[in-house]
């Protein structure tokens, strides 16, 4: 039951983070990214991933990325590729989209 609860919380946080460029002011988004990277620096992984998988090498969304790669008959990502995507590329994409929507297109945010 505990693992299922952690999985649901993990997915909810991922969805909120992935869509934050649409509803969260860029200043708060930058603070959230800084806290995320600080967590990575301190724990060398996401604390929810450590709690869920009991190790620092399993990347939550990496599991789903590799399932998608298998369905598309593409080469699965290595642990290093998954970590690079989740720690660097994905946050930069979210930040770039926030800049596009909020600064360039003047998209109003909820928070």
Protein backbone atom coordinates (compact mmCIF):
# COMPACT_ATOMS: atom_id res chain seq x y z
CA UNK A 1 0.00 0.00 0.00
CA UNK A 2 2.84 2.37 0.86
CA UNK A 3 4.53 1.82 -2.52
CA UNK A 4 1.27 2.50 -4.36
CA UNK A 5 0.80 5.73 -2.40
CA UNK A 6 4.38 6.85 -3.22
CA UNK A 7 3.80 6.01 -6.91
CA UNK A 8 0.63 8.13 -6.99
CA UNK A 9 2.34 11.05 -5.22
CA UNK A 10 5.34 10.72 -7.56
CA UNK A 11 3.13 10.79 -10.66
CA UNK A 12 1.10 13.73 -9.34
CA UNK A 13 4.24 15.74 -8.61
CA UNK A 14 5.65 14.90 -12.04
CA UNK A 15 2.45 16.04 -13.78
CA UNK A 16 2.37 19.28 -11.76
CA UNK A 17 6.04 19.93 -12.53
CA UNK A 18 5.68 19.13 -16.23
CA UNK A 19 2.72 21.51 -16.58
CA UNK A 20 4.07 24.19 -14.23
CA UNK A 21 5.15 26.36 -17.17
CA UNK A 22 1.44 26.93 -17.86
CA UNK A 23 0.13 27.76 -14.40
CA UNK A 24 3.06 28.69 -12.13
CA UNK A 25 4.75 32.09 -12.28
CA UNK A 26 8.27 31.81 -13.66
CA UNK A 27 9.76 33.17 -10.41
CA UNK A 28 8.21 30.34 -8.38
CA UNK A 29 9.11 27.86 -11.11
CA UNK A 30 12.76 28.93 -10.87
CA UNK A 31 12.65 28.46 -7.08
CA UNK A 32 11.13 25.01 -7.57
CA UNK A 33 13.84 24.05 -10.04
CA UNK A 34 16.53 25.28 -7.66
CA UNK A 35 15.03 23.16 -4.86
CA UNK A 36 14.86 20.15 -7.20
CA UNK A 37 18.52 20.52 -8.16
CA UNK A 38 19.48 21.09 -4.50
CA UNK A 39 17.72 17.82 -3.65
CA UNK A 40 19.74 16.08 -6.38
CA UNK A 41 22.98 17.58 -5.06
CA UNK A 42 22.28 16.57 -1.47
CA UNK A 43 20.75 13.10 -1.97
CA UNK A 44 22.16 12.27 -5.44
CA UNK A 45 18.61 11.40 -6.48
CA UNK A 46 14.97 12.32 -6.01
CA UNK A 47 13.89 11.55 -2.44
CA UNK A 48 10.65 9.98 -3.72
CA UNK A 49 12.63 7.70 -6.04
CA UNK A 50 14.83 6.64 -3.14
CA UNK A 51 11.75 5.94 -1.00
CA UNK A 52 9.98 4.09 -3.79
CA UNK A 53 12.81 2.06 -5.33
CA UNK A 54 15.25 1.86 -2.37
CA UNK A 55 18.18 2.95 -4.57
CA UNK A 56 19.56 6.07 -6.25
CA UNK A 57 19.83 4.69 -9.79
CA UNK A 58 16.17 4.12 -10.66
CA UNK A 59 14.54 7.10 -12.37
CA UNK A 60 10.74 7.16 -11.98
CA UNK A 61 9.88 8.51 -15.43
CA UNK A 62 12.74 6.51 -16.93
CA UNK A 63 10.67 3.37 -16.39
CA UNK A 64 7.87 4.80 -18.53
CA UNK A 65 10.29 6.21 -21.11
CA UNK A 66 11.80 2.77 -21.60
CA UNK A 67 8.33 1.16 -21.85
CA UNK A 68 7.55 3.64 -24.63
CA UNK A 69 10.89 2.91 -26.32
CA UNK A 70 10.12 -0.84 -26.27
CA UNK A 71 6.69 -0.26 -27.83
CA UNK A 72 8.25 1.92 -30.54
CA UNK A 73 10.96 -0.73 -31.01
CA UNK A 74 13.69 1.80 -30.19
CA UNK A 75 16.81 1.32 -28.13
CA UNK A 76 16.09 1.76 -24.42
CA UNK A 77 17.86 4.52 -22.52
CA UNK A 78 20.68 3.79 -20.11
CA UNK A 79 20.54 4.93 -16.49
CA UNK A 80 22.87 7.82 -17.34
CA UNK A 81 20.65 8.95 -20.25
CA UNK A 82 17.52 8.80 -18.07
CA UNK A 83 19.21 10.79 -15.29
CA UNK A 84 20.49 13.39 -17.76
CA UNK A 85 17.04 13.79 -19.28
CA UNK A 86 15.22 14.11 -15.95
CA UNK A 87 17.84 16.27 -14.20
CA UNK A 88 18.90 18.59 -17.02
CA UNK A 89 16.94 18.40 -20.26
CA UNK A 90 13.39 18.16 -18.92
CA UNK A 91 13.80 21.04 -16.40
CA UNK A 92 15.36 23.22 -19.10
CA UNK A 93 12.47 22.42 -21.47
CA UNK A 94 9.96 23.41 -18.77
CA UNK A 95 11.87 26.63 -18.04
CA UNK A 96 12.12 27.43 -21.77
CA UNK A 97 8.39 26.88 -22.21
CA UNK A 98 7.70 29.11 -19.21
CA UNK A 99 9.80 31.87 -20.79
CA UNK A 100 7.95 31.42 -24.08
CA UNK A 101 4.45 31.40 -22.60
CA UNK A 102 4.86 33.87 -19.76
CA UNK A 103 7.36 36.41 -21.06
CA UNK A 104 7.03 36.25 -24.84
CA UNK A 105 3.32 35.41 -25.17
CA UNK A 106 2.26 37.14 -21.88
CA UNK A 107 0.36 34.05 -20.72
CA UNK A 108 -1.39 34.76 -17.38
CA UNK A 109 -0.55 32.32 -14.60
CA UNK A 110 -2.69 31.10 -11.73
CA UNK A 111 0.03 31.42 -9.09
